[in-house]
Amino acid sequence: MRPYKSKWPVEIVSRDTQILAGRLVGNKNGLSDDEASDNAISEVIHRGWFKEERKEFFEYAYYWDTVDQMNEYVKTEWSNIAMIPANVLSNAQRIARVAGEQIQIRIRRIMLIARYRKMTKDK
């Protein structure tokens, strides 16, 4: 299981609404890690060492009370994989100001979960 590629949505949400402020962008390290992982899995399947049994994507949401909290988290925890473009950050701040106090900031990350079976010489 791992996060899968970036462009995750940054949203301002309340009980009744969700507004897209923009999307994160992946930095070169994060995208190259995804590409390397995909290539490695493809290679071991191609060689017949493993067989893909199941593969699915799902969303995992992170929530913050303020745009500043979200921004700080992304800078410290995800700096090696993604960043918030300046226009997305300013858009999120503007939307949050207009939306009022009963909002949260949400980023939905796409996760990949897969199961592979090691192949034996008998199979």
PDB file of N, CA and C in Angstrom:
ATOM      1  N   MET A   1       0.852  -1.162   0.000  1.00  0.00           N
ATOM      2  CA  MET A   1       0.000   0.000   0.000  1.00  0.00           C
ATOM      3  C   MET A   1       0.904   1.232   0.000  1.00  0.00           C
ATOM      4  N   ARG A   2       0.515   2.225  -0.809  1.00  0.00           N
ATOM      5  CA  ARG A   2       1.296   3.452  -0.853  1.00  0.00           C
ATOM      6  C   ARG A   2       0.453   4.573  -1.451  1.00  0.00           C
ATOM      7  N   PRO A   3       0.819   5.821  -1.118  1.00  0.00           N
ATOM      8  CA  PRO A   3       0.172   6.944  -1.800  1.00  0.00           C
ATOM      9  C   PRO A   3       0.507   6.873  -3.279  1.00  0.00           C
ATOM     10  N   TYR A   4      -0.386   7.332  -4.094  1.00  0.00           N
ATOM     11  CA  TYR A   4      -0.185   7.233  -5.526  1.00  0.00           C
ATOM     12  C   TYR A   4      -0.240   8.592  -6.173  1.00  0.00           C
ATOM     13  N   LYS A   5       0.823   8.966  -6.821  1.00  0.00           N
ATOM     14  CA  LYS A   5       0.959  10.211  -7.572  1.00  0.00           C
ATOM     15  C   LYS A   5       0.245  11.380  -6.898  1.00  0.00           C
ATOM     16  N   SER A   6       0.596  12.568  -7.272  1.00  0.00           N
ATOM     17  CA  SER A   6       0.025  13.733  -6.604  1.00  0.00           C
ATOM     18  C   SER A   6      -1.129  14.304  -7.405  1.00  0.00           C
ATOM     19  N   LYS A   7      -1.288  15.599  -7.358  1.00  0.00           N
ATOM     20  CA  LYS A   7      -2.450  16.324  -7.873  1.00  0.00           C
ATOM     21  C   LYS A   7      -3.662  16.091  -6.975  1.00  0.00           C
ATOM     22  N   TRP A   8      -3.374  15.897  -5.685  1.00  0.00           N
ATOM     23  CA  TRP A   8      -4.448  15.684  -4.727  1.00  0.00           C
ATOM     24  C   TRP A   8      -5.202  16.991  -4.516  1.00  0.00           C
ATOM     25  N   PRO A   9      -6.520  16.939  -4.413  1.00  0.00           N
ATOM     26  CA  PRO A   9      -7.311  18.164  -4.258  1.00  0.00           C
ATOM     27  C   PRO A   9      -7.167  18.791  -2.875  1.00  0.00           C
ATOM     28  N   VAL A  10      -7.081  20.120  -2.870  1.00  0.00           N
ATOM     29  CA  VAL A  10      -7.134  20.913  -1.634  1.00  0.00           C
ATOM     30  C   VAL A  10      -8.533  21.518  -1.609  1.00  0.00           C
ATOM     31  N   GLU A  11      -9.307  21.173  -0.584  1.00  0.00           N
ATOM     32  CA  GLU A  11     -10.706  21.588  -0.541  1.00  0.00           C
ATOM     33  C   GLU A  11     -11.038  22.283   0.770  1.00  0.00           C
ATOM     34  N   ILE A  12     -11.945  23.230   0.673  1.00  0.00           N
ATOM     35  CA  ILE A  12     -12.525  23.864   1.850  1.00  0.00           C
ATOM     36  C   ILE A  12     -13.887  23.204   2.016  1.00  0.00           C
ATOM     37  N   VAL A  13     -14.106  22.573   3.163  1.00  0.00           N
ATOM     38  CA  VAL A  13     -15.329  21.796   3.350  1.00  0.00           C
ATOM     39  C   VAL A  13     -16.072  22.221   4.606  1.00  0.00           C
ATOM     40  N   SER A  14     -17.378  22.082   4.544  1.00  0.00           N
ATOM     41  CA  SER A  14     -18.243  22.255   5.710  1.00  0.00           C
ATOM     42  C   SER A  14     -19.253  21.125   5.661  1.00  0.00           C
ATOM     43  N   ARG A  15     -20.192  21.155   6.537  1.00  0.00           N
ATOM     44  CA  ARG A  15     -21.199  20.103   6.582  1.00  0.00           C
ATOM     45  C   ARG A  15     -21.953  19.997   5.256  1.00  0.00           C
ATOM     46  N   ASP A  16     -22.214  21.137   4.627  1.00  0.00           N
ATOM     47  CA  ASP A  16     -23.072  21.172   3.448  1.00  0.00           C
ATOM     48  C   ASP A  16     -22.364  21.377   2.114  1.00  0.00           C
ATOM     49  N   THR A  17     -21.079  21.671   2.142  1.00  0.00           N
ATOM     50  CA  THR A  17     -20.437  22.029   0.874  1.00  0.00           C
ATOM     51  C   THR A  17     -18.967  21.639   0.851  1.00  0.00           C
ATOM     52  N   GLN A  18     -18.441  21.565  -0.350  1.00  0.00           N
ATOM     53  CA  GLN A  18     -16.997  21.411  -0.549  1.00  0.00           C
ATOM     54  C   GLN A  18     -16.607  22.252  -1.749  1.00  0.00           C
ATOM     55  N   ILE A  19     -15.528  23.014  -1.582  1.00  0.00           N
ATOM     56  CA  ILE A  19     -15.065  23.914  -2.636  1.00  0.00           C
ATOM     57  C   ILE A  19     -13.614  23.579  -2.931  1.00  0.00           C
ATOM     58  N   LEU A  20     -13.340  23.319  -4.189  1.00  0.00           N
ATOM     59  CA  LEU A  20     -11.973  23.012  -4.616  1.00  0.00           C
ATOM     60  C   LEU A  20     -11.170  24.302  -4.711  1.00  0.00           C
ATOM     61  N   ALA A  21     -10.077  24.358  -3.945  1.00  0.00           N
ATOM     62  CA  ALA A  21      -9.181  25.519  -3.997  1.00  0.00           C
ATOM     63  C   ALA A  21      -8.084  25.313  -5.030  1.00  0.00           C
ATOM     64  N   GLY A  22      -7.819  24.080  -5.367  1.00  0.00           N
ATOM     65  CA  GLY A  22      -6.767  23.751  -6.321  1.00  0.00           C
ATOM     66  C   GLY A  22      -6.206  22.377  -6.005  1.00  0.00           C
ATOM     67  N   ARG A  23      -5.051  22.085  -6.563  1.00  0.00           N
ATOM     68  CA  ARG A  23      -4.437  20.769  -6.371  1.00  0.00           C
ATOM     69  C   ARG A  23      -2.954  20.898  -6.019  1.00  0.00           C
ATOM     70  N   LEU A  24      -2.492  19.950  -5.220  1.00  0.00           N
ATOM     71  CA  LEU A  24      -1.061  19.872  -4.945  1.00  0.00           C
ATOM     72  C   LEU A  24      -0.338  19.453  -6.221  1.00  0.00           C
ATOM     73  N   VAL A  25       0.921  19.778  -6.298  1.00  0.00           N
ATOM     74  CA  VAL A  25       1.747  19.294  -7.395  1.00  0.00           C
ATOM     75  C   VAL A  25       2.868  18.440  -6.816  1.00  0.00           C
ATOM     76  N   GLY A  26       3.226  17.407  -7.533  1.00  0.00           N
ATOM     77  CA  GLY A  26       4.298  16.537  -7.081  1.00  0.00           C
ATOM     78  C   GLY A  26       5.647  17.140  -7.395  1.00  0.00           C
ATOM     79  N   ASN A  27       6.586  16.916  -6.490  1.00  0.00           N
ATOM     80  CA  ASN A  27       7.939  17.340  -6.827  1.00  0.00           C
ATOM     81  C   ASN A  27       8.640  16.183  -7.534  1.00  0.00           C
ATOM     82  N   LYS A  28       9.795  16.436  -8.062  1.00  0.00           N
ATOM     83  CA  LYS A  28      10.473  15.433  -8.874  1.00  0.00           C
ATOM     84  C   LYS A  28      10.773  14.159  -8.099  1.00  0.00           C
ATOM     85  N   ASN A  29      11.120  14.272  -6.822  1.00  0.00           N
ATOM     86  CA  ASN A  29      11.425  13.074  -6.032  1.00  0.00           C
ATOM     87  C   ASN A  29      10.209  12.177  -5.901  1.00  0.00           C
ATOM     88  N   GLY A  30       9.074  12.760  -5.553  1.00  0.00           N
ATOM     89  CA  GLY A  30       7.868  11.972  -5.361  1.00  0.00           C
ATOM     90  C   GLY A  30       7.416  11.294  -6.635  1.00  0.00           C
ATOM     91  N   LEU A  31       7.447  12.023  -7.736  1.00  0.00           N
ATOM     92  CA  LEU A  31       7.015  11.445  -9.000  1.00  0.00           C
ATOM     93  C   LEU A  31       7.984  10.365  -9.468  1.00  0.00           C
ATOM     94  N   SER A  32       9.288  10.581  -9.262  1.00  0.00           N
ATOM     95  CA  SER A  32      10.247   9.560  -9.687  1.00  0.00           C
ATOM     96  C   SER A  32      10.135   8.321  -8.798  1.00  0.00           C
ATOM     97  N   ASP A  33       9.812   8.483  -7.524  1.00  0.00           N
ATOM     98  CA  ASP A  33       9.590   7.331  -6.647  1.00  0.00           C
ATOM     99  C   ASP A  33       8.397   6.519  -7.130  1.00  0.00           C
ATOM    100  N   ASP A  34       7.300   7.204  -7.491  1.00  0.00           N
ATOM    101  CA  ASP A  34       6.131   6.508  -8.025  1.00  0.00           C
ATOM    102  C   ASP A  34       6.490   5.755  -9.296  1.00  0.00           C
ATOM    103  N   GLU A  35       7.199   6.414 -10.183  1.00  0.00           N
ATOM    104  CA  GLU A  35       7.585   5.791 -11.451  1.00  0.00           C
ATOM    105  C   GLU A  35       8.494   4.595 -11.209  1.00  0.00           C
ATOM    106  N   ALA A  36       9.437   4.730 -10.294  1.00  0.00           N
ATOM    107  CA  ALA A  36      10.348   3.622  -9.983  1.00  0.00           C
ATOM    108  C   ALA A  36       9.581   2.437  -9.392  1.00  0.00           C
ATOM    109  N   SER A  37       8.630   2.726  -8.500  1.00  0.00           N
ATOM    110  CA  SER A  37       7.820   1.649  -7.915  1.00  0.00           C
ATOM    111  C   SER A  37       7.003   0.943  -8.985  1.00  0.00           C
ATOM    112  N   ASP A  38       6.355   1.721  -9.840  1.00  0.00           N
ATOM    113  CA  ASP A  38       5.557   1.135 -10.918  1.00  0.00           C
ATOM    114  C   ASP A  38       6.425   0.281 -11.841  1.00  0.00           C
ATOM    115  N   ASN A  39       7.603   0.790 -12.184  1.00  0.00           N
ATOM    116  CA  ASN A  39       8.506   0.048 -13.073  1.00  0.00           C
ATOM    117  C   ASN A  39       9.003  -1.243 -12.433  1.00  0.00           C
ATOM    118  N   ALA A  40       9.319  -1.197 -11.143  1.00  0.00           N
ATOM    119  CA  ALA A  40       9.810  -2.394 -10.454  1.00  0.00           C
ATOM    120  C   ALA A  40       8.730  -3.473 -10.407  1.00  0.00           C
ATOM    121  N   ILE A  41       7.515  -3.079 -10.086  1.00  0.00           N
ATOM    122  CA  ILE A  41       6.411  -4.049 -10.051  1.00  0.00           C
ATOM    123  C   ILE A  41       6.177  -4.634 -11.443  1.00  0.00           C
ATOM    124  N   SER A  42       6.156  -3.779 -12.458  1.00  0.00           N
ATOM    125  CA  SER A  42       5.962  -4.262 -13.831  1.00  0.00           C
ATOM    126  C   SER A  42       7.044  -5.265 -14.224  1.00  0.00           C
ATOM    127  N   GLU A  43       8.261  -4.987 -13.812  1.00  0.00           N
ATOM    128  CA  GLU A  43       9.381  -5.869 -14.177  1.00  0.00           C
ATOM    129  C   GLU A  43       9.260  -7.241 -13.518  1.00  0.00           C
ATOM    130  N   VAL A  44       8.942  -7.306 -12.228  1.00  0.00           N
ATOM    131  CA  VAL A  44       8.859  -8.617 -11.562  1.00  0.00           C
ATOM    132  C   VAL A  44       7.653  -9.415 -12.062  1.00  0.00           C
ATOM    133  N   ILE A  45       6.596  -8.727 -12.485  1.00  0.00           N
ATOM    134  CA  ILE A  45       5.452  -9.423 -13.093  1.00  0.00           C
ATOM    135  C   ILE A  45       5.849  -9.939 -14.472  1.00  0.00           C
ATOM    136  N   HIS A  46       6.512  -9.087 -15.252  1.00  0.00           N
ATOM    137  CA  HIS A  46       6.951  -9.473 -16.594  1.00  0.00           C
ATOM    138  C   HIS A  46       7.891 -10.692 -16.552  1.00  0.00           C
ATOM    139  N   ARG A  47       8.752 -10.732 -15.561  1.00  0.00           N
ATOM    140  CA  ARG A  47       9.694 -11.849 -15.428  1.00  0.00           C
ATOM    141  C   ARG A  47       9.035 -13.113 -14.880  1.00  0.00           C
ATOM    142  N   GLY A  48       7.783 -12.988 -14.431  1.00  0.00           N
ATOM    143  CA  GLY A  48       7.070 -14.152 -13.916  1.00  0.00           C
ATOM    144  C   GLY A  48       7.378 -14.473 -12.464  1.00  0.00           C
ATOM    145  N   TRP A  49       8.028 -13.568 -11.770  1.00  0.00           N
ATOM    146  CA  TRP A  49       8.371 -13.809 -10.372  1.00  0.00           C
ATOM    147  C   TRP A  49       7.159 -13.623  -9.462  1.00  0.00           C
ATOM    148  N   PHE A  50       6.284 -12.678  -9.832  1.00  0.00           N
ATOM    149  CA  PHE A  50       5.076 -12.396  -9.056  1.00  0.00           C
ATOM    150  C   PHE A  50       3.900 -12.288 -10.006  1.00  0.00           C
ATOM    151  N   LYS A  51       2.714 -12.529  -9.463  1.00  0.00           N
ATOM    152  CA  LYS A  51       1.470 -12.365 -10.209  1.00  0.00           C
ATOM    153  C   LYS A  51       0.582 -11.404  -9.424  1.00  0.00           C
ATOM    154  N   GLU A  52       0.030 -10.423 -10.131  1.00  0.00           N
ATOM    155  CA  GLU A  52      -0.887  -9.490  -9.474  1.00  0.00           C
ATOM    156  C   GLU A  52      -2.214 -10.201  -9.234  1.00  0.00           C
ATOM    157  N   GLU A  53      -2.646 -10.205  -7.963  1.00  0.00           N
ATOM    158  CA  GLU A  53      -3.919 -10.829  -7.636  1.00  0.00           C
ATOM    159  C   GLU A  53      -5.044  -9.795  -7.534  1.00  0.00           C
ATOM    160  N   ARG A  54      -4.687  -8.636  -7.021  1.00  0.00           N
ATOM    161  CA  ARG A  54      -5.710  -7.616  -6.825  1.00  0.00           C
ATOM    162  C   ARG A  54      -5.038  -6.257  -6.711  1.00  0.00           C
ATOM    163  N   LYS A  55      -5.710  -5.242  -7.262  1.00  0.00           N
ATOM    164  CA  LYS A  55      -5.154  -3.889  -7.221  1.00  0.00           C
ATOM    165  C   LYS A  55      -6.327  -2.913  -7.200  1.00  0.00           C
ATOM    166  N   GLU A  56      -6.328  -2.023  -6.233  1.00  0.00           N
ATOM    167  CA  GLU A  56      -7.401  -1.042  -6.124  1.00  0.00           C
ATOM    168  C   GLU A  56      -6.844   0.293  -5.657  1.00  0.00           C
ATOM    169  N   PHE A  57      -7.587   1.336  -5.963  1.00  0.00           N
ATOM    170  CA  PHE A  57      -7.270   2.677  -5.496  1.00  0.00           C
ATOM    171  C   PHE A  57      -8.378   3.119  -4.556  1.00  0.00           C
ATOM    172  N   PHE A  58      -8.007   3.896  -3.544  1.00  0.00           N
ATOM    173  CA  PHE A  58      -9.002   4.483  -2.658  1.00  0.00           C
ATOM    174  C   PHE A  58      -8.480   5.829  -2.173  1.00  0.00           C
ATOM    175  N   GLU A  59      -9.376   6.632  -1.633  1.00  0.00           N
ATOM    176  CA  GLU A  59      -8.981   7.948  -1.126  1.00  0.00           C
ATOM    177  C   GLU A  59      -8.810   7.891   0.392  1.00  0.00           C
ATOM    178  N   TYR A  60      -7.854   8.671   0.845  1.00  0.00           N
ATOM    179  CA  TYR A  60      -7.600   8.831   2.271  1.00  0.00           C
ATOM    180  C   TYR A  60      -7.559  10.331   2.526  1.00  0.00           C
ATOM    181  N   ALA A  61      -8.431  10.804   3.398  1.00  0.00           N
ATOM    182  CA  ALA A  61      -8.561  12.249   3.597  1.00  0.00           C
ATOM    183  C   ALA A  61      -7.842  12.717   4.864  1.00  0.00           C
ATOM    184  N   TYR A  62      -7.182  13.872   4.744  1.00  0.00           N
ATOM    185  CA  TYR A  62      -6.547  14.565   5.861  1.00  0.00           C
ATOM    186  C   TYR A  62      -7.330  15.850   6.087  1.00  0.00           C
ATOM    187  N   TYR A  63      -7.538  16.232   7.350  1.00  0.00           N
ATOM    188  CA  TYR A  63      -8.299  17.430   7.683  1.00  0.00           C
ATOM    189  C   TYR A  63      -7.500  18.338   8.612  1.00  0.00           C
ATOM    190  N   TRP A  64      -7.672  19.650   8.421  1.00  0.00           N
ATOM    191  CA  TRP A  64      -7.087  20.666   9.293  1.00  0.00           C
ATOM    192  C   TRP A  64      -8.132  21.731   9.556  1.00  0.00           C
ATOM    193  N   ASP A  65      -7.947  22.453  10.644  1.00  0.00           N
ATOM    194  CA  ASP A  65      -8.883  23.532  10.993  1.00  0.00           C
ATOM    195  C   ASP A  65      -8.578  24.829  10.270  1.00  0.00           C
ATOM    196  N   THR A  66      -7.329  25.016   9.858  1.00  0.00           N
ATOM    197  CA  THR A  66      -6.957  26.260   9.175  1.00  0.00           C
ATOM    198  C   THR A  66      -6.056  25.962   7.975  1.00  0.00           C
ATOM    199  N   VAL A  67      -6.015  26.895   7.069  1.00  0.00           N
ATOM    200  CA  VAL A  67      -5.139  26.789   5.903  1.00  0.00           C
ATOM    201  C   VAL A  67      -3.676  26.782   6.351  1.00  0.00           C
ATOM    202  N   ASP A  68      -3.348  27.602   7.356  1.00  0.00           N
ATOM    203  CA  ASP A  68      -1.968  27.646   7.844  1.00  0.00           C
ATOM    204  C   ASP A  68      -1.520  26.296   8.404  1.00  0.00           C
ATOM    205  N   GLN A  69      -2.409  25.611   9.128  1.00  0.00           N
ATOM    206  CA  GLN A  69      -2.074  24.282   9.660  1.00  0.00           C
ATOM    207  C   GLN A  69      -1.818  23.290   8.525  1.00  0.00           C
ATOM    208  N   MET A  70      -2.673  23.340   7.515  1.00  0.00           N
ATOM    209  CA  MET A  70      -2.505  22.466   6.355  1.00  0.00           C
ATOM    210  C   MET A  70      -1.185  22.760   5.649  1.00  0.00           C
ATOM    211  N   ASN A  71      -0.904  24.022   5.425  1.00  0.00           N
ATOM    212  CA  ASN A  71       0.316  24.431   4.740  1.00  0.00           C
ATOM    213  C   ASN A  71       1.555  23.961   5.508  1.00  0.00           C
ATOM    214  N   GLU A  72       1.563  24.153   6.801  1.00  0.00           N
ATOM    215  CA  GLU A  72       2.704  23.729   7.622  1.00  0.00           C
ATOM    216  C   GLU A  72       2.888  22.214   7.559  1.00  0.00           C
ATOM    217  N   TYR A  73       1.799  21.478   7.630  1.00  0.00           N
ATOM    218  CA  TYR A  73       1.873  20.015   7.570  1.00  0.00           C
ATOM    219  C   TYR A  73       2.469  19.560   6.233  1.00  0.00           C
ATOM    220  N   VAL A  74       1.963  20.108   5.149  1.00  0.00           N
ATOM    221  CA  VAL A  74       2.456  19.721   3.829  1.00  0.00           C
ATOM    222  C   VAL A  74       3.945  20.041   3.703  1.00  0.00           C
ATOM    223  N   LYS A  75       4.353  21.212   4.180  1.00  0.00           N
ATOM    224  CA  LYS A  75       5.769  21.597   4.107  1.00  0.00           C
ATOM    225  C   LYS A  75       6.666  20.658   4.908  1.00  0.00           C
ATOM    226  N   THR A  76       6.227  20.266   6.097  1.00  0.00           N
ATOM    227  CA  THR A  76       7.092  19.454   6.960  1.00  0.00           C
ATOM    228  C   THR A  76       6.982  17.958   6.691  1.00  0.00           C
ATOM    229  N   GLU A  77       5.789  17.469   6.378  1.00  0.00           N
ATOM    230  CA  GLU A  77       5.586  16.026   6.246  1.00  0.00           C
ATOM    231  C   GLU A  77       5.653  15.517   4.810  1.00  0.00           C
ATOM    232  N   TRP A  78       5.299  16.336   3.848  1.00  0.00           N
ATOM    233  CA  TRP A  78       5.236  15.878   2.464  1.00  0.00           C
ATOM    234  C   TRP A  78       6.214  16.606   1.544  1.00  0.00           C
ATOM    235  N   SER A  79       7.167  17.317   2.110  1.00  0.00           N
ATOM    236  CA  SER A  79       8.067  18.132   1.287  1.00  0.00           C
ATOM    237  C   SER A  79       8.823  17.301   0.252  1.00  0.00           C
ATOM    238  N   ASN A  80       9.014  16.028   0.517  1.00  0.00           N
ATOM    239  CA  ASN A  80       9.744  15.190  -0.436  1.00  0.00           C
ATOM    240  C   ASN A  80       8.860  14.654  -1.561  1.00  0.00           C
ATOM    241  N   ILE A  81       7.533  14.857  -1.467  1.00  0.00           N
ATOM    242  CA  ILE A  81       6.661  14.299  -2.503  1.00  0.00           C
ATOM    243  C   ILE A  81       5.745  15.317  -3.171  1.00  0.00           C
ATOM    244  N   ALA A  82       5.357  16.377  -2.449  1.00  0.00           N
ATOM    245  CA  ALA A  82       4.380  17.309  -3.024  1.00  0.00           C
ATOM    246  C   ALA A  82       4.535  18.695  -2.420  1.00  0.00           C
ATOM    247  N   MET A  83       3.945  19.668  -3.126  1.00  0.00           N
ATOM    248  CA  MET A  83       3.950  21.041  -2.622  1.00  0.00           C
ATOM    249  C   MET A  83       2.636  21.713  -3.008  1.00  0.00           C
ATOM    250  N   ILE A  84       2.339  22.788  -2.294  1.00  0.00           N
ATOM    251  CA  ILE A  84       1.144  23.573  -2.581  1.00  0.00           C
ATOM    252  C   ILE A  84       1.570  24.766  -3.428  1.00  0.00           C
ATOM    253  N   PRO A  85       1.074  24.859  -4.658  1.00  0.00           N
ATOM    254  CA  PRO A  85       1.405  26.036  -5.468  1.00  0.00           C
ATOM    255  C   PRO A  85       0.891  27.308  -4.794  1.00  0.00           C
ATOM    256  N   ALA A  86       1.589  28.408  -5.002  1.00  0.00           N
ATOM    257  CA  ALA A  86       1.226  29.685  -4.366  1.00  0.00           C
ATOM    258  C   ALA A  86      -0.205  30.097  -4.684  1.00  0.00           C
ATOM    259  N   ASN A  87      -0.629  29.903  -5.924  1.00  0.00           N
ATOM    260  CA  ASN A  87      -1.998  30.295  -6.278  1.00  0.00           C
ATOM    261  C   ASN A  87      -3.047  29.437  -5.575  1.00  0.00           C
ATOM    262  N   VAL A  88      -2.745  28.174  -5.326  1.00  0.00           N
ATOM    263  CA  VAL A  88      -3.674  27.296  -4.608  1.00  0.00           C
ATOM    264  C   VAL A  88      -3.750  27.713  -3.144  1.00  0.00           C
ATOM    265  N   LEU A  89      -2.599  28.034  -2.555  1.00  0.00           N
ATOM    266  CA  LEU A  89      -2.569  28.483  -1.167  1.00  0.00           C
ATOM    267  C   LEU A  89      -3.360  29.775  -0.997  1.00  0.00           C
ATOM    268  N   SER A  90      -3.144  30.742  -1.859  1.00  0.00           N
ATOM    269  CA  SER A  90      -3.875  32.011  -1.729  1.00  0.00           C
ATOM    270  C   SER A  90      -5.366  31.815  -2.001  1.00  0.00           C
ATOM    271  N   ASN A  91      -5.699  30.954  -2.937  1.00  0.00           N
ATOM    272  CA  ASN A  91      -7.105  30.661  -3.208  1.00  0.00           C
ATOM    273  C   ASN A  91      -7.762  30.000  -1.997  1.00  0.00           C
ATOM    274  N   ALA A  92      -7.080  29.053  -1.362  1.00  0.00           N
ATOM    275  CA  ALA A  92      -7.611  28.390  -0.169  1.00  0.00           C
ATOM    276  C   ALA A  92      -7.818  29.398   0.966  1.00  0.00           C
ATOM    277  N   GLN A  93      -6.856  30.304   1.149  1.00  0.00           N
ATOM    278  CA  GLN A  93      -6.998  31.326   2.193  1.00  0.00           C
ATOM    279  C   GLN A  93      -8.195  32.231   1.919  1.00  0.00           C
ATOM    280  N   ARG A  94      -8.379  32.632   0.679  1.00  0.00           N
ATOM    281  CA  ARG A  94      -9.509  33.490   0.307  1.00  0.00           C
ATOM    282  C   ARG A  94     -10.837  32.772   0.526  1.00  0.00           C
ATOM    283  N   ILE A  95     -10.939  31.545   0.077  1.00  0.00           N
ATOM    284  CA  ILE A  95     -12.180  30.782   0.238  1.00  0.00           C
ATOM    285  C   ILE A  95     -12.486  30.567   1.711  1.00  0.00           C
ATOM    286  N   ALA A  96     -11.473  30.231   2.504  1.00  0.00           N
ATOM    287  CA  ALA A  96     -11.675  29.999   3.938  1.00  0.00           C
ATOM    288  C   ALA A  96     -12.153  31.273   4.642  1.00  0.00           C
ATOM    289  N   ARG A  97     -11.598  32.430   4.266  1.00  0.00           N
ATOM    290  CA  ARG A  97     -12.044  33.697   4.873  1.00  0.00           C
ATOM    291  C   ARG A  97     -13.514  33.953   4.570  1.00  0.00           C
ATOM    292  N   VAL A  98     -13.909  33.744   3.330  1.00  0.00           N
ATOM    293  CA  VAL A  98     -15.289  33.995   2.920  1.00  0.00           C
ATOM    294  C   VAL A  98     -16.237  32.970   3.542  1.00  0.00           C
ATOM    295  N   ALA A  99     -15.797  31.726   3.657  1.00  0.00           N
ATOM    296  CA  ALA A  99     -16.657  30.649   4.133  1.00  0.00           C
ATOM    297  C   ALA A  99     -16.999  30.753   5.615  1.00  0.00           C
ATOM    298  N   GLY A 100     -16.138  31.375   6.403  1.00  0.00           N
ATOM    299  CA  GLY A 100     -16.440  31.541   7.819  1.00  0.00           C
ATOM    300  C   GLY A 100     -15.767  30.519   8.711  1.00  0.00           C
ATOM    301  N   GLU A 101     -16.348  30.340   9.903  1.00  0.00           N
ATOM    302  CA  GLU A 101     -15.687  29.558  10.952  1.00  0.00           C
ATOM    303  C   GLU A 101     -15.982  28.061  10.920  1.00  0.00           C
ATOM    304  N   GLN A 102     -17.063  27.634  10.360  1.00  0.00           N
ATOM    305  CA  GLN A 102     -17.457  26.227  10.429  1.00  0.00           C
ATOM    306  C   GLN A 102     -16.927  25.421   9.239  1.00  0.00           C
ATOM    307  N   ILE A 103     -15.654  25.586   8.949  1.00  0.00           N
ATOM    308  CA  ILE A 103     -15.047  24.887   7.821  1.00  0.00           C
ATOM    309  C   ILE A 103     -13.828  24.097   8.265  1.00  0.00           C
ATOM    310  N   GLN A 104     -13.417  23.210   7.414  1.00  0.00           N
ATOM    311  CA  GLN A 104     -12.150  22.517   7.567  1.00  0.00           C
ATOM    312  C   GLN A 104     -11.461  22.505   6.208  1.00  0.00           C
ATOM    313  N   ILE A 105     -10.161  22.291   6.256  1.00  0.00           N
ATOM    314  CA  ILE A 105      -9.381  22.171   5.040  1.00  0.00           C
ATOM    315  C   ILE A 105      -9.106  20.683   4.848  1.00  0.00           C
ATOM    316  N   ARG A 106      -9.323  20.198   3.641  1.00  0.00           N
ATOM    317  CA  ARG A 106      -9.161  18.758   3.398  1.00  0.00           C
ATOM    318  C   ARG A 106      -8.282  18.531   2.173  1.00  0.00           C
ATOM    319  N   ILE A 107      -7.409  17.546   2.304  1.00  0.00           N
ATOM    320  CA  ILE A 107      -6.664  17.031   1.156  1.00  0.00           C
ATOM    321  C   ILE A 107      -6.991  15.546   1.062  1.00  0.00           C
ATOM    322  N   ARG A 108      -7.441  15.145  -0.107  1.00  0.00           N
ATOM    323  CA  ARG A 108      -7.748  13.731  -0.338  1.00  0.00           C
ATOM    324  C   ARG A 108      -6.613  13.129  -1.158  1.00  0.00           C
ATOM    325  N   ARG A 109      -5.908  12.187  -0.548  1.00  0.00           N
ATOM    326  CA  ARG A 109      -4.805  11.514  -1.231  1.00  0.00           C
ATOM    327  C   ARG A 109      -5.302  10.213  -1.829  1.00  0.00           C
ATOM    328  N   ILE A 110      -4.818   9.921  -3.008  1.00  0.00           N
ATOM    329  CA  ILE A 110      -5.138   8.663  -3.659  1.00  0.00           C
ATOM    330  C   ILE A 110      -4.138   7.615  -3.155  1.00  0.00           C
ATOM    331  N   MET A 111      -4.665   6.500  -2.706  1.00  0.00           N
ATOM    332  CA  MET A 111      -3.827   5.415  -2.203  1.00  0.00           C
ATOM    333  C   MET A 111      -3.984   4.212  -3.131  1.00  0.00           C
ATOM    334  N   LEU A 112      -2.907   3.487  -3.293  1.00  0.00           N
ATOM    335  CA  LEU A 112      -2.908   2.254  -4.071  1.00  0.00           C
ATOM    336  C   LEU A 112      -2.706   1.101  -3.103  1.00  0.00           C
ATOM    337  N   ILE A 113      -3.557   0.101  -3.214  1.00  0.00           N
ATOM    338  CA  ILE A 113      -3.366  -1.112  -2.433  1.00  0.00           C
ATOM    339  C   ILE A 113      -3.404  -2.278  -3.410  1.00  0.00           C
ATOM    340  N   ALA A 114      -2.450  -3.158  -3.288  1.00  0.00           N
ATOM    341  CA  ALA A 114      -2.359  -4.272  -4.221  1.00  0.00           C
ATOM    342  C   ALA A 114      -1.827  -5.504  -3.497  1.00  0.00           C
ATOM    343  N   ARG A 115      -2.175  -6.644  -4.065  1.00  0.00           N
ATOM    344  CA  ARG A 115      -1.672  -7.911  -3.522  1.00  0.00           C
ATOM    345  C   ARG A 115      -1.048  -8.691  -4.677  1.00  0.00           C
ATOM    346  N   TYR A 116       0.152  -9.191  -4.415  1.00  0.00           N
ATOM    347  CA  TYR A 116       0.887  -9.956  -5.409  1.00  0.00           C
ATOM    348  C   TYR A 116       1.254 -11.302  -4.804  1.00  0.00           C
ATOM    349  N   ARG A 117       1.253 -12.319  -5.619  1.00  0.00           N
ATOM    350  CA  ARG A 117       1.642 -13.660  -5.165  1.00  0.00           C
ATOM    351  C   ARG A 117       2.960 -14.036  -5.826  1.00  0.00           C
ATOM    352  N   LYS A 118       3.882 -14.507  -4.988  1.00  0.00           N
ATOM    353  CA  LYS A 118       5.163 -14.961  -5.507  1.00  0.00           C
ATOM    354  C   LYS A 118       4.928 -16.279  -6.245  1.00  0.00           C
ATOM    355  N   MET A 119       5.450 -16.335  -7.446  1.00  0.00           N
ATOM    356  CA  MET A 119       5.268 -17.534  -8.263  1.00  0.00           C
ATOM    357  C   MET A 119       6.399 -18.518  -7.967  1.00  0.00           C
ATOM    358  N   THR A 120       6.038 -19.772  -7.939  1.00  0.00           N
ATOM    359  CA  THR A 120       7.051 -20.833  -7.742  1.00  0.00           C
ATOM    360  C   THR A 120       7.309 -21.489  -9.079  1.00  0.00           C
ATOM    361  N   LYS A 121       8.336 -22.284  -9.141  1.00  0.00           N
ATOM    362  CA  LYS A 121       8.673 -22.961 -10.387  1.00  0.00           C
ATOM    363  C   LYS A 121       7.608 -23.973 -10.776  1.00  0.00           C
ATOM    364  N   ASP A 122       6.843 -24.454  -9.791  1.00  0.00           N
ATOM    365  CA  ASP A 122       5.806 -25.455 -10.051  1.00  0.00           C
ATOM    366  C   ASP A 122       4.586 -24.868 -10.746  1.00  0.00           C
ATOM    367  N   LYS A 123       4.388 -23.547 -10.661  1.00  0.00           N
ATOM    368  CA  LYS A 123       3.164 -22.942 -11.196  1.00  0.00           C
ATOM    369  C   LYS A 123       3.394 -22.204 -12.467  1.00  0.00           C
TER     370      LYS A 123
END
